[in-house]
PDB file of N, CA and C in Angstrom:
ATOM      1  N   SER A   1     105.186  92.464  62.000  1.00  0.00           N
ATOM      2  CA  SER A   1     106.016  91.452  62.536  1.00  0.00           C
ATOM      3  C   SER A   1     105.748  91.285  64.017  1.00  0.00           C
ATOM      4  N   ILE A   2     105.992  90.115  64.553  1.00  0.00           N
ATOM      5  CA  ILE A   2     105.694  89.857  65.964  1.00  0.00           C
ATOM      6  C   ILE A   2     106.993  90.042  66.731  1.00  0.00           C
ATOM      7  N   VAL A   3     106.953  90.870  67.799  1.00  0.00           N
ATOM      8  CA  VAL A   3     108.035  91.211  68.622  1.00  0.00           C
ATOM      9  C   VAL A   3     107.873  90.467  69.976  1.00  0.00           C
ATOM     10  N   SER A   4     108.834  89.698  70.387  1.00  0.00           N
ATOM     11  CA  SER A   4     108.704  88.869  71.587  1.00  0.00           C
ATOM     12  C   SER A   4     109.148  89.575  72.924  1.00  0.00           C
ATOM     13  N   LYS A   5     110.019  90.516  72.805  1.00  0.00           N
ATOM     14  CA  LYS A   5     110.455  91.236  73.999  1.00  0.00           C
ATOM     15  C   LYS A   5     109.414  92.292  74.371  1.00  0.00           C
ATOM     16  N   PRO A   6     109.319  92.682  75.625  1.00  0.00           N
ATOM     17  CA  PRO A   6     108.311  93.630  76.087  1.00  0.00           C
ATOM     18  C   PRO A   6     108.454  94.917  75.404  1.00  0.00           C
ATOM     19  N   THR A   7     107.583  95.185  74.428  1.00  0.00           N
ATOM     20  CA  THR A   7     107.750  96.340  73.508  1.00  0.00           C
ATOM     21  C   THR A   7     106.314  96.831  73.190  1.00  0.00           C
ATOM     22  N   ILE A   8     106.135  98.179  73.147  1.00  0.00           N
ATOM     23  CA  ILE A   8     104.938  98.693  72.578  1.00  0.00           C
ATOM     24  C   ILE A   8     105.180  98.873  71.106  1.00  0.00           C
ATOM     25  N   LEU A   9     104.240  98.421  70.324  1.00  0.00           N
ATOM     26  CA  LEU A   9     104.344  98.609  68.879  1.00  0.00           C
ATOM     27  C   LEU A   9     103.440  99.826  68.466  1.00  0.00           C
ATOM     28  N   LEU A  10     104.030 100.706  67.645  1.00  0.00           N
ATOM     29  CA  LEU A  10     103.370 101.867  67.121  1.00  0.00           C
ATOM     30  C   LEU A  10     103.340 101.666  65.621  1.00  0.00           C
ATOM     31  N   TYR A  11     102.182 101.492  65.055  1.00  0.00           N
ATOM     32  CA  TYR A  11     101.983 101.347  63.640  1.00  0.00           C
ATOM     33  C   TYR A  11     101.378 102.701  63.073  1.00  0.00           C
ATOM     34  N   ALA A  12     102.026 103.236  62.106  1.00  0.00           N
ATOM     35  CA  ALA A  12     101.631 104.531  61.486  1.00  0.00           C
ATOM     36  C   ALA A  12     101.598 104.407  59.999  1.00  0.00           C
ATOM     37  N   THR A  13     100.781 105.238  59.367  1.00  0.00           N
ATOM     38  CA  THR A  13     100.785 105.351  57.920  1.00  0.00           C
ATOM     39  C   THR A  13     102.064 106.018  57.510  1.00  0.00           C
ATOM     40  N   GLN A  14     102.494 105.760  56.337  1.00  0.00           N
ATOM     41  CA  GLN A  14     103.815 106.197  55.811  1.00  0.00           C
ATOM     42  C   GLN A  14     103.907 107.723  55.813  1.00  0.00           C
ATOM     43  N   HIS A  15     102.806 108.468  55.583  1.00  0.00           N
ATOM     44  CA  HIS A  15     102.961 109.951  55.431  1.00  0.00           C
ATOM     45  C   HIS A  15     102.859 110.709  56.785  1.00  0.00           C
ATOM     46  N   ILE A  16     102.765 110.035  57.859  1.00  0.00           N
ATOM     47  CA  ILE A  16     102.650 110.722  59.226  1.00  0.00           C
ATOM     48  C   ILE A  16     103.978 111.436  59.524  1.00  0.00           C
ATOM     49  N   SER A  17     103.835 112.681  59.910  1.00  0.00           N
ATOM     50  CA  SER A  17     105.007 113.525  60.230  1.00  0.00           C
ATOM     51  C   SER A  17     105.631 113.049  61.589  1.00  0.00           C
ATOM     52  N   THR A  18     106.891 113.056  61.649  1.00  0.00           N
ATOM     53  CA  THR A  18     107.590 112.750  62.833  1.00  0.00           C
ATOM     54  C   THR A  18     107.252 113.741  64.014  1.00  0.00           C
ATOM     55  N   ASP A  19     106.908 114.977  63.622  1.00  0.00           N
ATOM     56  CA  ASP A  19     106.364 115.945  64.624  1.00  0.00           C
ATOM     57  C   ASP A  19     105.211 115.484  65.354  1.00  0.00           C
ATOM     58  N   ILE A  20     104.387 114.745  64.688  1.00  0.00           N
ATOM     59  CA  ILE A  20     103.124 114.149  65.327  1.00  0.00           C
ATOM     60  C   ILE A  20     103.504 112.996  66.219  1.00  0.00           C
ATOM     61  N   LEU A  21     104.496 112.225  65.889  1.00  0.00           N
ATOM     62  CA  LEU A  21     104.849 111.022  66.650  1.00  0.00           C
ATOM     63  C   LEU A  21     105.679 111.466  67.844  1.00  0.00           C
ATOM     64  N   LYS A  22     106.469 112.505  67.816  1.00  0.00           N
ATOM     65  CA  LYS A  22     107.401 112.874  68.881  1.00  0.00           C
ATOM     66  C   LYS A  22     106.704 112.920  70.276  1.00  0.00           C
ATOM     67  N   PRO A  23     105.559 113.707  70.484  1.00  0.00           N
ATOM     68  CA  PRO A  23     105.026 113.664  71.847  1.00  0.00           C
ATOM     69  C   PRO A  23     104.668 112.257  72.322  1.00  0.00           C
ATOM     70  N   VAL A  24     104.139 111.413  71.464  1.00  0.00           N
ATOM     71  CA  VAL A  24     103.763 110.073  71.834  1.00  0.00           C
ATOM     72  C   VAL A  24     105.085 109.313  72.266  1.00  0.00           C
ATOM     73  N   LEU A  25     106.011 109.459  71.519  1.00  0.00           N
ATOM     74  CA  LEU A  25     107.297 108.735  71.791  1.00  0.00           C
ATOM     75  C   LEU A  25     107.954 109.208  73.070  1.00  0.00           C
ATOM     76  N   TYR A  26     107.872 110.527  73.327  1.00  0.00           N
ATOM     77  CA  TYR A  26     108.477 111.073  74.564  1.00  0.00           C
ATOM     78  C   TYR A  26     107.681 110.525  75.726  1.00  0.00           C
ATOM     79  N   GLY A  27     106.421 110.450  75.677  1.00  0.00           N
ATOM     80  CA  GLY A  27     105.569 109.925  76.777  1.00  0.00           C
ATOM     81  C   GLY A  27     105.937 108.489  77.051  1.00  0.00           C
ATOM     82  N   ILE A  28     106.081 107.634  76.017  1.00  0.00           N
ATOM     83  CA  ILE A  28     106.496 106.262  76.144  1.00  0.00           C
ATOM     84  C   ILE A  28     107.862 106.187  76.788  1.00  0.00           C
ATOM     85  N   GLU A  29     108.751 106.996  76.275  1.00  0.00           N
ATOM     86  CA  GLU A  29     110.199 106.995  76.803  1.00  0.00           C
ATOM     87  C   GLU A  29     110.134 107.354  78.268  1.00  0.00           C
ATOM     88  N   GLU A  30     109.356 108.355  78.655  1.00  0.00           N
ATOM     89  CA  GLU A  30     109.281 108.778  80.034  1.00  0.00           C
ATOM     90  C   GLU A  30     108.857 107.640  80.989  1.00  0.00           C
ATOM     91  N   GLU A  31     108.038 106.757  80.467  1.00  0.00           N
ATOM     92  CA  GLU A  31     107.557 105.562  81.303  1.00  0.00           C
ATOM     93  C   GLU A  31     108.640 104.517  81.227  1.00  0.00           C
ATOM     94  N   GLY A  32     109.728 104.639  80.464  1.00  0.00           N
ATOM     95  CA  GLY A  32     110.718 103.626  80.452  1.00  0.00           C
ATOM     96  C   GLY A  32     110.381 102.448  79.659  1.00  0.00           C
ATOM     97  N   LEU A  33     109.502 102.536  78.687  1.00  0.00           N
ATOM     98  CA  LEU A  33     109.113 101.335  77.838  1.00  0.00           C
ATOM     99  C   LEU A  33     109.729 101.466  76.506  1.00  0.00           C
ATOM    100  N   PRO A  34     110.166 100.348  75.964  1.00  0.00           N
ATOM    101  CA  PRO A  34     110.666 100.376  74.594  1.00  0.00           C
ATOM    102  C   PRO A  34     109.553 100.386  73.586  1.00  0.00           C
ATOM    103  N   VAL A  35     109.753 101.069  72.497  1.00  0.00           N
ATOM    104  CA  VAL A  35     108.780 101.176  71.424  1.00  0.00           C
ATOM    105  C   VAL A  35     109.385 100.891  70.113  1.00  0.00           C
ATOM    106  N   VAL A  36     108.637 100.233  69.262  1.00  0.00           N
ATOM    107  CA  VAL A  36     109.105  99.975  67.822  1.00  0.00           C
ATOM    108  C   VAL A  36     108.070 100.649  66.958  1.00  0.00           C
ATOM    109  N   ILE A  37     108.588 101.444  65.970  1.00  0.00           N
ATOM    110  CA  ILE A  37     107.735 102.046  65.004  1.00  0.00           C
ATOM    111  C   ILE A  37     107.815 101.272  63.639  1.00  0.00           C
ATOM    112  N   GLU A  38     106.635 100.996  63.155  1.00  0.00           N
ATOM    113  CA  GLU A  38     106.592 100.370  61.832  1.00  0.00           C
ATOM    114  C   GLU A  38     105.523 101.071  60.987  1.00  0.00           C
ATOM    115  N   PHE A  39     105.764 101.125  59.668  1.00  0.00           N
ATOM    116  CA  PHE A  39     104.763 101.789  58.822  1.00  0.00           C
ATOM    117  C   PHE A  39     103.884 100.830  58.137  1.00  0.00           C
ATOM    118  N   HIS A  40     102.610 100.982  58.210  1.00  0.00           N
ATOM    119  CA  HIS A  40     101.579 100.078  57.642  1.00  0.00           C
ATOM    120  C   HIS A  40     100.535 100.870  56.915  1.00  0.00           C
ATOM    121  N   SER A  41      99.655 100.252  56.219  1.00  0.00           N
ATOM    122  CA  SER A  41      98.499 100.894  55.602  1.00  0.00           C
ATOM    123  C   SER A  41      97.305 100.433  56.492  1.00  0.00           C
ATOM    124  N   GLY A  42      96.298 101.210  56.450  1.00  0.00           N
ATOM    125  CA  GLY A  42      95.075 100.926  57.268  1.00  0.00           C
ATOM    126  C   GLY A  42      94.684 102.137  58.016  1.00  0.00           C
ATOM    127  N   THR A  43      93.617 101.896  58.757  1.00  0.00           N
ATOM    128  CA  THR A  43      93.040 102.982  59.694  1.00  0.00           C
ATOM    129  C   THR A  43      93.773 102.951  61.036  1.00  0.00           C
ATOM    130  N   HIS A  44      93.621 104.002  61.747  1.00  0.00           N
ATOM    131  CA  HIS A  44      94.237 104.007  63.107  1.00  0.00           C
ATOM    132  C   HIS A  44      93.755 102.842  63.985  1.00  0.00           C
ATOM    133  N   MET A  45      92.471 102.455  63.805  1.00  0.00           N
ATOM    134  CA  MET A  45      91.947 101.355  64.576  1.00  0.00           C
ATOM    135  C   MET A  45      92.470 100.059  64.159  1.00  0.00           C
ATOM    136  N   THR A  46      92.542  99.781  62.896  1.00  0.00           N
ATOM    137  CA  THR A  46      93.011  98.485  62.384  1.00  0.00           C
ATOM    138  C   THR A  46      94.544  98.293  62.724  1.00  0.00           C
ATOM    139  N   MET A  47      95.291  99.419  62.591  1.00  0.00           N
ATOM    140  CA  MET A  47      96.713  99.335  62.942  1.00  0.00           C
ATOM    141  C   MET A  47      96.933  99.146  64.431  1.00  0.00           C
ATOM    142  N   ALA A  48      96.160  99.883  65.236  1.00  0.00           N
ATOM    143  CA  ALA A  48      96.305  99.709  66.708  1.00  0.00           C
ATOM    144  C   ALA A  48      95.990  98.305  67.171  1.00  0.00           C
ATOM    145  N   ASP A  49      94.910  97.703  66.595  1.00  0.00           N
ATOM    146  CA  ASP A  49      94.528  96.350  66.917  1.00  0.00           C
ATOM    147  C   ASP A  49      95.633  95.369  66.481  1.00  0.00           C
ATOM    148  N   LEU A  50      96.108  95.496  65.247  1.00  0.00           N
ATOM    149  CA  LEU A  50      97.199  94.588  64.826  1.00  0.00           C
ATOM    150  C   LEU A  50      98.433  94.736  65.652  1.00  0.00           C
ATOM    151  N   ALA A  51      98.799  95.976  65.962  1.00  0.00           N
ATOM    152  CA  ALA A  51      99.955  96.237  66.820  1.00  0.00           C
ATOM    153  C   ALA A  51      99.802  95.531  68.155  1.00  0.00           C
ATOM    154  N   SER A  52      98.644  95.640  68.801  1.00  0.00           N
ATOM    155  CA  SER A  52      98.461  95.114  70.102  1.00  0.00           C
ATOM    156  C   SER A  52      98.512  93.574  70.037  1.00  0.00           C
ATOM    157  N   ARG A  53      98.106  92.956  68.931  1.00  0.00           N
ATOM    158  CA  ARG A  53      98.124  91.550  68.823  1.00  0.00           C
ATOM    159  C   ARG A  53      99.526  91.040  68.533  1.00  0.00           C
ATOM    160  N   ASN A  54     100.396  91.901  68.028  1.00  0.00           N
ATOM    161  CA  ASN A  54     101.789  91.515  67.743  1.00  0.00           C
ATOM    162  C   ASN A  54     102.762  91.911  68.800  1.00  0.00           C
ATOM    163  N   SER A  55     102.353  92.649  69.771  1.00  0.00           N
ATOM    164  CA  SER A  55     103.120  93.161  70.876  1.00  0.00           C
ATOM    165  C   SER A  55     103.193  92.190  72.033  1.00  0.00           C
ATOM    166  N   ALA A  56     104.397  91.947  72.565  1.00  0.00           N
ATOM    167  CA  ALA A  56     104.527  91.095  73.803  1.00  0.00           C
ATOM    168  C   ALA A  56     103.870  91.723  75.008  1.00  0.00           C
ATOM    169  N   LEU A  57     103.739  93.035  74.990  1.00  0.00           N
ATOM    170  CA  LEU A  57     102.996  93.715  76.099  1.00  0.00           C
ATOM    171  C   LEU A  57     101.488  93.815  75.827  1.00  0.00           C
ATOM    172  N   SER A  58     101.076  93.331  74.671  1.00  0.00           N
ATOM    173  CA  SER A  58      99.613  93.413  74.274  1.00  0.00           C
ATOM    174  C   SER A  58      99.107  94.794  74.126  1.00  0.00           C
ATOM    175  N   VAL A  59     100.053  95.787  73.950  1.00  0.00           N
ATOM    176  CA  VAL A  59      99.642  97.141  73.776  1.00  0.00           C
ATOM    177  C   VAL A  59     100.046  97.605  72.432  1.00  0.00           C
ATOM    178  N   GLY A  60      99.136  98.254  71.723  1.00  0.00           N
ATOM    179  CA  GLY A  60      99.415  98.772  70.360  1.00  0.00           C
ATOM    180  C   GLY A  60      98.891 100.201  70.172  1.00  0.00           C
ATOM    181  N   ILE A  61      99.542 100.940  69.339  1.00  0.00           N
ATOM    182  CA  ILE A  61      99.228 102.254  68.992  1.00  0.00           C
ATOM    183  C   ILE A  61      99.079 102.342  67.499  1.00  0.00           C
ATOM    184  N   GLY A  62      97.995 102.983  66.961  1.00  0.00           N
ATOM    185  CA  GLY A  62      97.804 103.191  65.587  1.00  0.00           C
ATOM    186  C   GLY A  62      97.705 104.634  65.292  1.00  0.00           C
ATOM    187  N   VAL A  63      98.387 105.092  64.235  1.00  0.00           N
ATOM    188  CA  VAL A  63      98.435 106.536  63.954  1.00  0.00           C
ATOM    189  C   VAL A  63      98.169 106.744  62.463  1.00  0.00           C
ATOM    190  N   ASP A  64      97.133 107.527  62.154  1.00  0.00           N
ATOM    191  CA  ASP A  64      96.955 107.983  60.778  1.00  0.00           C
ATOM    192  C   ASP A  64      96.603 109.466  60.845  1.00  0.00           C
ATOM    193  N   ASP A  65      96.114 110.086  59.747  1.00  0.00           N
ATOM    194  CA  ASP A  65      95.879 111.503  59.732  1.00  0.00           C
ATOM    195  C   ASP A  65      94.601 111.885  60.476  1.00  0.00           C
ATOM    196  N   GLU A  66      93.853 110.944  60.979  1.00  0.00           N
ATOM    197  CA  GLU A  66      92.625 111.266  61.669  1.00  0.00           C
ATOM    198  C   GLU A  66      92.744 111.117  63.197  1.00  0.00           C
ATOM    199  N   ALA A  67      93.594 110.205  63.671  1.00  0.00           N
ATOM    200  CA  ALA A  67      93.657 109.956  65.096  1.00  0.00           C
ATOM    201  C   ALA A  67      94.870 109.094  65.470  1.00  0.00           C
ATOM    202  N   ILE A  68      95.187 109.273  66.852  1.00  0.00           N
ATOM    203  CA  ILE A  68      96.201 108.361  67.439  1.00  0.00           C
ATOM    204  C   ILE A  68      95.332 107.493  68.399  1.00  0.00           C
ATOM    205  N   VAL A  69      95.446 106.209  68.328  1.00  0.00           N
ATOM    206  CA  VAL A  69      94.693 105.308  69.161  1.00  0.00           C
ATOM    207  C   VAL A  69      95.671 104.361  69.948  1.00  0.00           C
ATOM    208  N   LEU A  70      95.360 104.235  71.227  1.00  0.00           N
ATOM    209  CA  LEU A  70      95.996 103.210  72.015  1.00  0.00           C
ATOM    210  C   LEU A  70      95.013 102.109  72.382  1.00  0.00           C
ATOM    211  N   THR A  71      95.429 100.900  72.210  1.00  0.00           N
ATOM    212  CA  THR A  71      94.546  99.775  72.522  1.00  0.00           C
ATOM    213  C   THR A  71      95.228  98.621  73.127  1.00  0.00           C
ATOM    214  N   TYR A  72      94.464  97.678  73.634  1.00  0.00           N
ATOM    215  CA  TYR A  72      94.936  96.517  74.333  1.00  0.00           C
ATOM    216  C   TYR A  72      94.396  95.272  73.672  1.00  0.00           C
ATOM    217  N   LYS A  73      95.232  94.267  73.479  1.00  0.00           N
ATOM    218  CA  LYS A  73      94.814  93.051  72.746  1.00  0.00           C
ATOM    219  C   LYS A  73      93.590  92.428  73.229  1.00  0.00           C
ATOM    220  N   ASN A  74      93.255  92.454  74.502  1.00  0.00           N
ATOM    221  CA  ASN A  74      92.140  91.723  75.094  1.00  0.00           C
ATOM    222  C   ASN A  74      90.754  92.480  75.042  1.00  0.00           C
ATOM    223  N   ILE A  75      90.767  93.601  74.343  1.00  0.00           N
ATOM    224  CA  ILE A  75      89.456  94.292  74.138  1.00  0.00           C
ATOM    225  C   ILE A  75      89.064  94.153  72.689  1.00  0.00           C
ATOM    226  N   PRO A  76      87.701  94.268  72.431  1.00  0.00           N
ATOM    227  CA  PRO A  76      87.278  94.097  71.036  1.00  0.00           C
ATOM    228  C   PRO A  76      87.993  95.090  70.126  1.00  0.00           C
ATOM    229  N   ALA A  77      88.138  94.665  68.866  1.00  0.00           N
ATOM    230  CA  ALA A  77      88.953  95.402  67.893  1.00  0.00           C
ATOM    231  C   ALA A  77      88.436  96.814  67.621  1.00  0.00           C
ATOM    232  N   HIS A  78      87.115  96.978  67.774  1.00  0.00           N
ATOM    233  CA  HIS A  78      86.569  98.342  67.535  1.00  0.00           C
ATOM    234  C   HIS A  78      86.536  99.310  68.749  1.00  0.00           C
ATOM    235  N   GLN A  79      87.100  98.768  69.830  1.00  0.00           N
ATOM    236  CA  GLN A  79      87.205  99.546  71.087  1.00  0.00           C
ATOM    237  C   GLN A  79      88.631 100.043  71.293  1.00  0.00           C
ATOM    238  N   PHE A  80      88.837 100.959  72.182  1.00  0.00           N
ATOM    239  CA  PHE A  80      90.226 101.479  72.436  1.00  0.00           C
ATOM    240  C   PHE A  80      90.276 101.965  73.899  1.00  0.00           C
ATOM    241  N   ILE A  81      91.473 102.188  74.347  1.00  0.00           N
ATOM    242  CA  ILE A  81      91.736 102.734  75.749  1.00  0.00           C
ATOM    243  C   ILE A  81      91.782 104.208  75.642  1.00  0.00           C
ATOM    244  N   TYR A  82      92.441 104.783  74.609  1.00  0.00           N
ATOM    245  CA  TYR A  82      92.621 106.163  74.437  1.00  0.00           C
ATOM    246  C   TYR A  82      92.670 106.527  72.993  1.00  0.00           C
ATOM    247  N   ARG A  83      91.995 107.738  72.689  1.00  0.00           N
ATOM    248  CA  ARG A  83      92.074 108.224  71.278  1.00  0.00           C
ATOM    249  C   ARG A  83      92.297 109.704  71.338  1.00  0.00           C
ATOM    250  N   LEU A  84      93.183 110.198  70.486  1.00  0.00           N
ATOM    251  CA  LEU A  84      93.443 111.640  70.379  1.00  0.00           C
ATOM    252  C   LEU A  84      93.180 111.998  68.910  1.00  0.00           C
ATOM    253  N   THR A  85      92.334 113.013  68.722  1.00  0.00           N
ATOM    254  CA  THR A  85      92.038 113.554  67.431  1.00  0.00           C
ATOM    255  C   THR A  85      92.314 115.039  67.446  1.00  0.00           C
ATOM    256  N   GLY A  86      92.374 115.588  66.179  1.00  0.00           N
ATOM    257  CA  GLY A  86      92.508 117.043  66.151  1.00  0.00           C
ATOM    258  C   GLY A  86      93.937 117.537  66.160  1.00  0.00           C
ATOM    259  N   TYR A  87      94.926 116.585  66.185  1.00  0.00           N
ATOM    260  CA  TYR A  87      96.329 117.045  66.223  1.00  0.00           C
ATOM    261  C   TYR A  87      96.776 117.526  64.964  1.00  0.00           C
ATOM    262  N   ALA A  88      96.070 117.339  63.780  1.00  0.00           N
ATOM    263  CA  ALA A  88      96.493 117.819  62.550  1.00  0.00           C
ATOM    264  C   ALA A  88      96.432 119.325  62.496  1.00  0.00           C
ATOM    265  N   GLN A  89      95.831 119.926  63.436  1.00  0.00           N
ATOM    266  CA  GLN A  89      95.769 121.422  63.587  1.00  0.00           C
ATOM    267  C   GLN A  89      97.021 122.053  64.021  1.00  0.00           C
ATOM    268  N   TYR A  90      98.011 121.247  64.516  1.00  0.00           N
ATOM    269  CA  TYR A  90      99.292 121.779  64.971  1.00  0.00           C
ATOM    270  C   TYR A  90     100.088 122.317  63.752  1.00  0.00           C
ATOM    271  N   PRO A  91     100.834 123.413  63.957  1.00  0.00           N
ATOM    272  CA  PRO A  91     101.624 123.914  62.877  1.00  0.00           C
ATOM    273  C   PRO A  91     102.673 122.842  62.482  1.00  0.00           C
ATOM    274  N   ASP A  92     103.055 122.951  61.220  1.00  0.00           N
ATOM    275  CA  ASP A  92     104.106 122.092  60.609  1.00  0.00           C
ATOM    276  C   ASP A  92     103.640 120.661  60.580  1.00  0.00           C
ATOM    277  N   SER A  93     102.324 120.380  60.673  1.00  0.00           N
ATOM    278  CA  SER A  93     101.924 118.987  60.534  1.00  0.00           C
ATOM    279  C   SER A  93     101.027 118.781  59.322  1.00  0.00           C
TER     280      SER A  93
END
């Protein structure tokens, strides 16, 4: 869905643990930015790209069991600003 107010969109696969999302959400909250979480199917890259295109801030985050990716609408879909991998090694995830 398209969100018109300044909001970061975080798209995640349905099975992602809230324990994985918490540090990301805390960081966004610390910056004082609103975030909306939606569950989608796809890869971290396709979800991040879609989220950035639907966000009024042009910033999207995609999360699957391989990576967390932050991207910006005006860069090519296969590129990203930041990617975190290896978080599945954390206990309870």
